[in-house]
PDB file of N, CA and C in Angstrom:
ATOM      1  N   MET A   1      93.440  76.356 102.224  1.00  0.00           N
ATOM      2  CA  MET A   1      94.256  77.451 102.700  1.00  0.00           C
ATOM      3  C   MET A   1      93.794  77.847 104.104  1.00  0.00           C
ATOM      4  N   PHE A   2      94.698  78.316 104.900  1.00  0.00           N
ATOM      5  CA  PHE A   2      94.452  78.735 106.271  1.00  0.00           C
ATOM      6  C   PHE A   2      93.537  79.954 106.292  1.00  0.00           C
ATOM      7  N   ASP A   3      92.657  80.044 107.264  1.00  0.00           N
ATOM      8  CA  ASP A   3      91.755  81.188 107.402  1.00  0.00           C
ATOM      9  C   ASP A   3      92.443  82.260 108.247  1.00  0.00           C
ATOM     10  N   TYR A   4      92.740  83.392 107.638  1.00  0.00           N
ATOM     11  CA  TYR A   4      93.453  84.484 108.302  1.00  0.00           C
ATOM     12  C   TYR A   4      92.517  85.522 108.907  1.00  0.00           C
ATOM     13  N   THR A   5      91.217  85.285 108.920  1.00  0.00           N
ATOM     14  CA  THR A   5      90.241  86.255 109.398  1.00  0.00           C
ATOM     15  C   THR A   5      90.548  86.666 110.838  1.00  0.00           C
ATOM     16  N   GLY A   6      90.566  87.981 111.064  1.00  0.00           N
ATOM     17  CA  GLY A   6      90.824  88.525 112.389  1.00  0.00           C
ATOM     18  C   GLY A   6      92.277  88.865 112.664  1.00  0.00           C
ATOM     19  N   GLN A   7      93.168  88.545 111.750  1.00  0.00           N
ATOM     20  CA  GLN A   7      94.574  88.869 111.964  1.00  0.00           C
ATOM     21  C   GLN A   7      94.864  90.297 111.527  1.00  0.00           C
ATOM     22  N   ILE A   8      95.851  90.895 112.143  1.00  0.00           N
ATOM     23  CA  ILE A   8      96.293  92.246 111.810  1.00  0.00           C
ATOM     24  C   ILE A   8      97.485  92.112 110.875  1.00  0.00           C
ATOM     25  N   VAL A   9      97.462  92.859 109.768  1.00  0.00           N
ATOM     26  CA  VAL A   9      98.521  92.768 108.762  1.00  0.00           C
ATOM     27  C   VAL A   9      98.981  94.165 108.355  1.00  0.00           C
ATOM     28  N   ARG A  10     100.181  94.217 107.758  1.00  0.00           N
ATOM     29  CA  ARG A  10     100.710  95.450 107.167  1.00  0.00           C
ATOM     30  C   ARG A  10     100.888  95.201 105.678  1.00  0.00           C
ATOM     31  N   ALA A  11     100.365  96.115 104.857  1.00  0.00           N
ATOM     32  CA  ALA A  11     100.487  95.994 103.406  1.00  0.00           C
ATOM     33  C   ALA A  11     101.917  96.300 102.991  1.00  0.00           C
ATOM     34  N   THR A  12     102.470  95.483 102.076  1.00  0.00           N
ATOM     35  CA  THR A  12     103.843  95.684 101.616  1.00  0.00           C
ATOM     36  C   THR A  12     103.902  96.050 100.141  1.00  0.00           C
ATOM     37  N   ALA A  13     102.740  96.154  99.488  1.00  0.00           N
ATOM     38  CA  ALA A  13     102.716  96.484  98.063  1.00  0.00           C
ATOM     39  C   ALA A  13     101.463  97.293  97.759  1.00  0.00           C
ATOM     40  N   GLY A  14     101.553  98.088  96.700  1.00  0.00           N
ATOM     41  CA  GLY A  14     100.402  98.863  96.264  1.00  0.00           C
ATOM     42  C   GLY A  14     100.363 100.243  96.880  1.00  0.00           C
ATOM     43  N   ARG A  15      99.306 100.983  96.564  1.00  0.00           N
ATOM     44  CA  ARG A  15      99.201 102.360  97.057  1.00  0.00           C
ATOM     45  C   ARG A  15      98.963 102.430  98.557  1.00  0.00           C
ATOM     46  N   ASP A  16      98.525 101.337  99.155  1.00  0.00           N
ATOM     47  CA  ASP A  16      98.306 101.310 100.602  1.00  0.00           C
ATOM     48  C   ASP A  16      99.490 100.688 101.350  1.00  0.00           C
ATOM     49  N   LYS A  17     100.649 100.667 100.716  1.00  0.00           N
ATOM     50  CA  LYS A  17     101.865 100.099 101.298  1.00  0.00           C
ATOM     51  C   LYS A  17     102.157 100.762 102.648  1.00  0.00           C
ATOM     52  N   GLY A  18     102.423  99.939 103.655  1.00  0.00           N
ATOM     53  CA  GLY A  18     102.722 100.434 104.990  1.00  0.00           C
ATOM     54  C   GLY A  18     101.503 100.577 105.877  1.00  0.00           C
ATOM     55  N   GLY A  19     100.319 100.456 105.323  1.00  0.00           N
ATOM     56  CA  GLY A  19      99.094 100.595 106.106  1.00  0.00           C
ATOM     57  C   GLY A  19      98.806  99.361 106.945  1.00  0.00           C
ATOM     58  N   ILE A  20      98.173  99.588 108.090  1.00  0.00           N
ATOM     59  CA  ILE A  20      97.794  98.508 108.985  1.00  0.00           C
ATOM     60  C   ILE A  20      96.317  98.194 108.742  1.00  0.00           C
ATOM     61  N   PHE A  21      96.007  96.918 108.541  1.00  0.00           N
ATOM     62  CA  PHE A  21      94.654  96.487 108.228  1.00  0.00           C
ATOM     63  C   PHE A  21      94.289  95.271 109.068  1.00  0.00           C
ATOM     64  N   CYS A  22      92.995  95.004 109.135  1.00  0.00           N
ATOM     65  CA  CYS A  22      92.481  93.780 109.735  1.00  0.00           C
ATOM     66  C   CYS A  22      91.922  92.921 108.615  1.00  0.00           C
ATOM     67  N   VAL A  23      92.222  91.641 108.634  1.00  0.00           N
ATOM     68  CA  VAL A  23      91.676  90.721 107.643  1.00  0.00           C
ATOM     69  C   VAL A  23      90.240  90.420 108.058  1.00  0.00           C
ATOM     70  N   VAL A  24      89.280  90.854 107.226  1.00  0.00           N
ATOM     71  CA  VAL A  24      87.868  90.669 107.558  1.00  0.00           C
ATOM     72  C   VAL A  24      87.257  89.477 106.833  1.00  0.00           C
ATOM     73  N   GLY A  25      88.034  88.800 106.002  1.00  0.00           N
ATOM     74  CA  GLY A  25      87.533  87.628 105.299  1.00  0.00           C
ATOM     75  C   GLY A  25      88.453  87.220 104.174  1.00  0.00           C
ATOM     76  N   MET A  26      87.958  86.275 103.374  1.00  0.00           N
ATOM     77  CA  MET A  26      88.691  85.803 102.205  1.00  0.00           C
ATOM     78  C   MET A  26      87.707  85.733 101.043  1.00  0.00           C
ATOM     79  N   ASP A  27      88.223  85.765  99.813  1.00  0.00           N
ATOM     80  CA  ASP A  27      87.348  85.717  98.648  1.00  0.00           C
ATOM     81  C   ASP A  27      86.822  84.295  98.435  1.00  0.00           C
ATOM     82  N   GLN A  28      85.981  84.136  97.415  1.00  0.00           N
ATOM     83  CA  GLN A  28      85.329  82.851  97.152  1.00  0.00           C
ATOM     84  C   GLN A  28      86.325  81.724  96.899  1.00  0.00           C
ATOM     85  N   GLU A  29      87.388  82.019  96.149  1.00  0.00           N
ATOM     86  CA  GLU A  29      88.380  80.986  95.825  1.00  0.00           C
ATOM     87  C   GLU A  29      89.405  80.790  96.938  1.00  0.00           C
ATOM     88  N   ARG A  30      89.327  81.640  97.968  1.00  0.00           N
ATOM     89  CA  ARG A  30      90.239  81.602  99.112  1.00  0.00           C
ATOM     90  C   ARG A  30      91.689  81.829  98.682  1.00  0.00           C
ATOM     91  N   THR A  31      91.882  82.719  97.707  1.00  0.00           N
ATOM     92  CA  THR A  31      93.224  83.060  97.251  1.00  0.00           C
ATOM     93  C   THR A  31      93.593  84.493  97.607  1.00  0.00           C
ATOM     94  N   MET A  32      92.610  85.299  97.978  1.00  0.00           N
ATOM     95  CA  MET A  32      92.852  86.708  98.293  1.00  0.00           C
ATOM     96  C   MET A  32      92.316  87.012  99.692  1.00  0.00           C
ATOM     97  N   LEU A  33      93.039  87.886 100.402  1.00  0.00           N
ATOM     98  CA  LEU A  33      92.597  88.353 101.705  1.00  0.00           C
ATOM     99  C   LEU A  33      91.757  89.609 101.508  1.00  0.00           C
ATOM    100  N   LEU A  34      90.716  89.773 102.289  1.00  0.00           N
ATOM    101  CA  LEU A  34      89.890  90.975 102.252  1.00  0.00           C
ATOM    102  C   LEU A  34      90.261  91.822 103.462  1.00  0.00           C
ATOM    103  N   LEU A  35      90.809  93.019 103.207  1.00  0.00           N
ATOM    104  CA  LEU A  35      91.348  93.873 104.252  1.00  0.00           C
ATOM    105  C   LEU A  35      90.502  95.118 104.439  1.00  0.00           C
ATOM    106  N   ALA A  36      90.385  95.567 105.689  1.00  0.00           N
ATOM    107  CA  ALA A  36      89.672  96.802 106.003  1.00  0.00           C
ATOM    108  C   ALA A  36      90.403  97.508 107.134  1.00  0.00           C
ATOM    109  N   ASP A  37      90.333  98.848 107.107  1.00  0.00           N
ATOM    110  CA  ASP A  37      90.888  99.628 108.205  1.00  0.00           C
ATOM    111  C   ASP A  37      89.847 100.547 108.835  1.00  0.00           C
ATOM    112  N   GLY A  38      88.648 100.582 108.277  1.00  0.00           N
ATOM    113  CA  GLY A  38      87.571 101.381 108.831  1.00  0.00           C
ATOM    114  C   GLY A  38      87.574 102.824 108.398  1.00  0.00           C
ATOM    115  N   LYS A  39      88.618 103.267 107.712  1.00  0.00           N
ATOM    116  CA  LYS A  39      88.677 104.657 107.260  1.00  0.00           C
ATOM    117  C   LYS A  39      88.677 104.712 105.733  1.00  0.00           C
ATOM    118  N   ARG A  40      89.805 104.403 105.120  1.00  0.00           N
ATOM    119  CA  ARG A  40      89.867 104.402 103.648  1.00  0.00           C
ATOM    120  C   ARG A  40      89.215 103.154 103.078  1.00  0.00           C
ATOM    121  N   ARG A  41      89.355 102.049 103.752  1.00  0.00           N
ATOM    122  CA  ARG A  41      88.760 100.790 103.326  1.00  0.00           C
ATOM    123  C   ARG A  41      87.742 100.361 104.378  1.00  0.00           C
ATOM    124  N   LYS A  42      86.480 100.545 104.056  1.00  0.00           N
ATOM    125  CA  LYS A  42      85.391 100.207 104.969  1.00  0.00           C
ATOM    126  C   LYS A  42      85.167  98.693 104.980  1.00  0.00           C
ATOM    127  N   ILE A  43      84.513  98.227 106.012  1.00  0.00           N
ATOM    128  CA  ILE A  43      84.211  96.806 106.123  1.00  0.00           C
ATOM    129  C   ILE A  43      83.255  96.377 105.012  1.00  0.00           C
ATOM    130  N   SER A  44      82.390  97.287 104.584  1.00  0.00           N
ATOM    131  CA  SER A  44      81.439  96.953 103.533  1.00  0.00           C
ATOM    132  C   SER A  44      82.096  96.840 102.157  1.00  0.00           C
ATOM    133  N   HIS A  45      83.260  97.458 101.964  1.00  0.00           N
ATOM    134  CA  HIS A  45      84.007  97.398 100.700  1.00  0.00           C
ATOM    135  C   HIS A  45      85.483  97.155 100.983  1.00  0.00           C
ATOM    136  N   PRO A  46      85.844  95.939 101.416  1.00  0.00           N
ATOM    137  CA  PRO A  46      87.239  95.667 101.769  1.00  0.00           C
ATOM    138  C   PRO A  46      88.142  95.577 100.544  1.00  0.00           C
ATOM    139  N   LYS A  47      89.426  95.741 100.774  1.00  0.00           N
ATOM    140  CA  LYS A  47      90.455  95.656  99.739  1.00  0.00           C
ATOM    141  C   LYS A  47      90.897  94.200  99.609  1.00  0.00           C
ATOM    142  N   ALA A  48      90.914  93.695  98.387  1.00  0.00           N
ATOM    143  CA  ALA A  48      91.396  92.334  98.133  1.00  0.00           C
ATOM    144  C   ALA A  48      92.893  92.389  97.853  1.00  0.00           C
ATOM    145  N   LYS A  49      93.663  91.605  98.584  1.00  0.00           N
ATOM    146  CA  LYS A  49      95.116  91.565  98.412  1.00  0.00           C
ATOM    147  C   LYS A  49      95.596  90.133  98.476  1.00  0.00           C
ATOM    148  N   LYS A  50      96.641  89.860  97.705  1.00  0.00           N
ATOM    149  CA  LYS A  50      97.260  88.538  97.749  1.00  0.00           C
ATOM    150  C   LYS A  50      97.989  88.370  99.084  1.00  0.00           C
ATOM    151  N   PRO A  51      98.001  87.170  99.631  1.00  0.00           N
ATOM    152  CA  PRO A  51      98.689  86.947 100.911  1.00  0.00           C
ATOM    153  C   PRO A  51     100.175  87.298 100.871  1.00  0.00           C
ATOM    154  N   GLY A  52     100.801  87.203  99.723  1.00  0.00           N
ATOM    155  CA  GLY A  52     102.216  87.532  99.615  1.00  0.00           C
ATOM    156  C   GLY A  52     102.501  89.024  99.666  1.00  0.00           C
ATOM    157  N   HIS A  53     101.464  89.851  99.603  1.00  0.00           N
ATOM    158  CA  HIS A  53     101.633  91.303  99.606  1.00  0.00           C
ATOM    159  C   HIS A  53     101.355  91.918 100.970  1.00  0.00           C
ATOM    160  N   VAL A  54     101.329  91.083 102.005  1.00  0.00           N
ATOM    161  CA  VAL A  54     101.135  91.572 103.367  1.00  0.00           C
ATOM    162  C   VAL A  54     102.110  90.868 104.306  1.00  0.00           C
ATOM    163  N   ILE A  55     102.392  91.527 105.405  1.00  0.00           N
ATOM    164  CA  ILE A  55     103.163  90.929 106.500  1.00  0.00           C
ATOM    165  C   ILE A  55     102.195  90.747 107.655  1.00  0.00           C
ATOM    166  N   HIS A  56     102.137  89.547 108.204  1.00  0.00           N
ATOM    167  CA  HIS A  56     101.244  89.270 109.320  1.00  0.00           C
ATOM    168  C   HIS A  56     101.888  89.762 110.613  1.00  0.00           C
ATOM    169  N   LEU A  57     101.220  90.695 111.275  1.00  0.00           N
ATOM    170  CA  LEU A  57     101.718  91.224 112.538  1.00  0.00           C
ATOM    171  C   LEU A  57     101.212  90.408 113.717  1.00  0.00           C
ATOM    172  N   THR A  58     100.135  89.655 113.502  1.00  0.00           N
ATOM    173  CA  THR A  58      99.632  88.720 114.504  1.00  0.00           C
ATOM    174  C   THR A  58      99.465  87.368 113.824  1.00  0.00           C
ATOM    175  N   ASP A  59      99.452  86.324 114.622  1.00  0.00           N
ATOM    176  CA  ASP A  59      99.211  84.980 114.097  1.00  0.00           C
ATOM    177  C   ASP A  59      98.455  84.179 115.153  1.00  0.00           C
ATOM    178  N   SER A  60      98.357  82.895 114.957  1.00  0.00           N
ATOM    179  CA  SER A  60      97.581  82.070 115.891  1.00  0.00           C
ATOM    180  C   SER A  60      98.219  82.019 117.282  1.00  0.00           C
ATOM    181  N   ARG A  61      99.527  82.170 117.357  1.00  0.00           N
ATOM    182  CA  ARG A  61     100.206  82.140 118.665  1.00  0.00           C
ATOM    183  C   ARG A  61     100.215  83.504 119.333  1.00  0.00           C
ATOM    184  N   HIS A  62     100.384  84.562 118.554  1.00  0.00           N
ATOM    185  CA  HIS A  62     100.471  85.926 119.085  1.00  0.00           C
ATOM    186  C   HIS A  62      99.316  86.749 118.525  1.00  0.00           C
ATOM    187  N   SER A  63      98.136  86.538 119.079  1.00  0.00           N
ATOM    188  CA  SER A  63      96.968  87.243 118.567  1.00  0.00           C
ATOM    189  C   SER A  63      96.765  88.537 119.344  1.00  0.00           C
ATOM    190  N   PHE A  64      96.002  89.442 118.751  1.00  0.00           N
ATOM    191  CA  PHE A  64      95.640  90.705 119.369  1.00  0.00           C
ATOM    192  C   PHE A  64      94.265  90.500 119.990  1.00  0.00           C
ATOM    193  N   ASP A  65      94.221  90.399 121.300  1.00  0.00           N
ATOM    194  CA  ASP A  65      92.973  90.102 121.998  1.00  0.00           C
ATOM    195  C   ASP A  65      92.192  91.389 122.227  1.00  0.00           C
ATOM    196  N   HIS A  66      91.259  91.647 121.342  1.00  0.00           N
ATOM    197  CA  HIS A  66      90.404  92.834 121.418  1.00  0.00           C
ATOM    198  C   HIS A  66      88.994  92.391 121.059  1.00  0.00           C
ATOM    199  N   PRO A  67      87.968  92.930 121.718  1.00  0.00           N
ATOM    200  CA  PRO A  67      86.596  92.495 121.426  1.00  0.00           C
ATOM    201  C   PRO A  67      86.193  92.657 119.957  1.00  0.00           C
ATOM    202  N   VAL A  68      86.672  93.688 119.290  1.00  0.00           N
ATOM    203  CA  VAL A  68      86.327  93.913 117.888  1.00  0.00           C
ATOM    204  C   VAL A  68      86.959  92.836 117.013  1.00  0.00           C
ATOM    205  N   VAL A  69      88.205  92.514 117.272  1.00  0.00           N
ATOM    206  CA  VAL A  69      88.899  91.484 116.492  1.00  0.00           C
ATOM    207  C   VAL A  69      88.240  90.127 116.722  1.00  0.00           C
ATOM    208  N   ARG A  70      87.843  89.854 117.959  1.00  0.00           N
ATOM    209  CA  ARG A  70      87.126  88.609 118.228  1.00  0.00           C
ATOM    210  C   ARG A  70      85.789  88.576 117.484  1.00  0.00           C
ATOM    211  N   GLY A  71      85.127  89.724 117.395  1.00  0.00           N
ATOM    212  CA  GLY A  71      83.873  89.805 116.648  1.00  0.00           C
ATOM    213  C   GLY A  71      84.069  89.526 115.171  1.00  0.00           C
ATOM    214  N   VAL A  72      85.161  90.040 114.602  1.00  0.00           N
ATOM    215  CA  VAL A  72      85.475  89.770 113.196  1.00  0.00           C
ATOM    216  C   VAL A  72      85.728  88.282 112.996  1.00  0.00           C
ATOM    217  N   GLN A  73      86.464  87.670 113.903  1.00  0.00           N
ATOM    218  CA  GLN A  73      86.766  86.250 113.797  1.00  0.00           C
ATOM    219  C   GLN A  73      85.511  85.395 113.877  1.00  0.00           C
ATOM    220  N   GLN A  74      84.533  85.826 114.679  1.00  0.00           N
ATOM    221  CA  GLN A  74      83.314  85.044 114.871  1.00  0.00           C
ATOM    222  C   GLN A  74      82.235  85.402 113.856  1.00  0.00           C
ATOM    223  N   GLY A  75      82.499  86.355 112.972  1.00  0.00           N
ATOM    224  CA  GLY A  75      81.539  86.717 111.940  1.00  0.00           C
ATOM    225  C   GLY A  75      80.455  87.669 112.401  1.00  0.00           C
ATOM    226  N   GLU A  76      80.645  88.312 113.531  1.00  0.00           N
ATOM    227  CA  GLU A  76      79.664  89.269 114.040  1.00  0.00           C
ATOM    228  C   GLU A  76      79.788  90.588 113.286  1.00  0.00           C
ATOM    229  N   PRO A  77      78.718  91.358 113.201  1.00  0.00           N
ATOM    230  CA  PRO A  77      78.815  92.674 112.553  1.00  0.00           C
ATOM    231  C   PRO A  77      79.651  93.628 113.400  1.00  0.00           C
ATOM    232  N   VAL A  78      80.565  94.320 112.748  1.00  0.00           N
ATOM    233  CA  VAL A  78      81.476  95.250 113.417  1.00  0.00           C
ATOM    234  C   VAL A  78      81.396  96.580 112.680  1.00  0.00           C
ATOM    235  N   SER A  79      81.374  97.681 113.428  1.00  0.00           N
ATOM    236  CA  SER A  79      81.310  98.996 112.799  1.00  0.00           C
ATOM    237  C   SER A  79      82.710  99.448 112.386  1.00  0.00           C
ATOM    238  N   ASP A  80      82.745 100.351 111.407  1.00  0.00           N
ATOM    239  CA  ASP A  80      84.028 100.902 110.960  1.00  0.00           C
ATOM    240  C   ASP A  80      84.689 101.691 112.084  1.00  0.00           C
ATOM    241  N   ARG A  81      83.892 102.395 112.858  1.00  0.00           N
ATOM    242  CA  ARG A  81      84.430 103.183 113.971  1.00  0.00           C
ATOM    243  C   ARG A  81      85.118 102.287 114.996  1.00  0.00           C
ATOM    244  N   ALA A  82      84.476 101.173 115.336  1.00  0.00           N
ATOM    245  CA  ALA A  82      85.064 100.237 116.291  1.00  0.00           C
ATOM    246  C   ALA A  82      86.348  99.631 115.737  1.00  0.00           C
ATOM    247  N   LEU A  83      86.361  99.333 114.440  1.00  0.00           N
ATOM    248  CA  LEU A  83      87.569  98.779 113.819  1.00  0.00           C
ATOM    249  C   LEU A  83      88.704  99.793 113.843  1.00  0.00           C
ATOM    250  N   ARG A  84      88.414 101.051 113.554  1.00  0.00           N
ATOM    251  CA  ARG A  84      89.441 102.100 113.618  1.00  0.00           C
ATOM    252  C   ARG A  84      90.034 102.191 115.014  1.00  0.00           C
ATOM    253  N   ARG A  85      89.185 102.147 116.021  1.00  0.00           N
ATOM    254  CA  ARG A  85      89.664 102.235 117.409  1.00  0.00           C
ATOM    255  C   ARG A  85      90.504 101.018 117.794  1.00  0.00           C
ATOM    256  N   ALA A  86      90.099  99.844 117.348  1.00  0.00           N
ATOM    257  CA  ALA A  86      90.868  98.638 117.648  1.00  0.00           C
ATOM    258  C   ALA A  86      92.239  98.697 116.989  1.00  0.00           C
ATOM    259  N   LEU A  87      92.298  99.146 115.736  1.00  0.00           N
ATOM    260  CA  LEU A  87      93.592  99.252 115.048  1.00  0.00           C
ATOM    261  C   LEU A  87      94.465 100.328 115.681  1.00  0.00           C
ATOM    262  N   ALA A  88      93.858 101.417 116.174  1.00  0.00           N
ATOM    263  CA  ALA A  88      94.630 102.452 116.873  1.00  0.00           C
ATOM    264  C   ALA A  88      95.222 101.890 118.160  1.00  0.00           C
ATOM    265  N   ALA A  89      94.456 101.095 118.879  1.00  0.00           N
ATOM    266  CA  ALA A  89      94.970 100.462 120.102  1.00  0.00           C
ATOM    267  C   ALA A  89      96.099  99.493 119.770  1.00  0.00           C
ATOM    268  N   PHE A  90      95.961  98.765 118.661  1.00  0.00           N
ATOM    269  CA  PHE A  90      97.020  97.849 118.248  1.00  0.00           C
ATOM    270  C   PHE A  90      98.286  98.624 117.903  1.00  0.00           C
ATOM    271  N   LYS A  91      98.152  99.717 117.136  1.00  0.00           N
ATOM    272  CA  LYS A  91      99.320 100.508 116.744  1.00  0.00           C
ATOM    273  C   LYS A  91     100.031 101.078 117.964  1.00  0.00           C
ATOM    274  N   GLU A  92      99.256 101.526 118.946  1.00  0.00           N
ATOM    275  CA  GLU A  92      99.853 102.080 120.164  1.00  0.00           C
ATOM    276  C   GLU A  92     100.651 101.018 120.907  1.00  0.00           C
ATOM    277  N   GLY A  93     100.094  99.836 121.062  1.00  0.00           N
ATOM    278  CA  GLY A  93     100.788  98.746 121.742  1.00  0.00           C
ATOM    279  C   GLY A  93     101.932  98.184 120.914  1.00  0.00           C
ATOM    280  N   TYR A  94     101.773  98.162 119.605  1.00  0.00           N
ATOM    281  CA  TYR A  94     102.790  97.615 118.704  1.00  0.00           C
ATOM    282  C   TYR A  94     104.022  98.510 118.661  1.00  0.00           C
ATOM    283  N   SER A  95     103.828  99.822 118.651  1.00  0.00           N
ATOM    284  CA  SER A  95     104.966 100.733 118.603  1.00  0.00           C
ATOM    285  C   SER A  95     105.735 100.744 119.912  1.00  0.00           C
ATOM    286  N   LEU A  96     105.024 100.521 121.037  1.00  0.00           N
ATOM    287  CA  LEU A  96     105.687 100.506 122.332  1.00  0.00           C
ATOM    288  C   LEU A  96     106.394  99.185 122.589  1.00  0.00           C
ATOM    289  N   GLY A  97     105.845  98.090 122.083  1.00  0.00           N
ATOM    290  CA  GLY A  97     106.395  96.781 122.396  1.00  0.00           C
ATOM    291  C   GLY A  97     107.159  96.268 121.283  1.00  0.00           C
TER     292      GLY A  97
END
């Protein structure tokens, strides 16, 4: 399965429906995405969601170039505060564009 780490997604199912998250990893079987937003879902305890329950707002062609997202992709430690700020910057640019 494709590695979605570092992509920005919107949840389409569950109690977090409509929320914007960053994919911080995948589970052991690589069937579930691990999502975090830095506020309700911390990086230390990400939400596991099936890939069919999210909409990808970024992909390999249209990525969100932010130092925090690059850090997530490279496996570097990222703080929840930095992730919140990166997602806020994405939301601001996404709503305008």
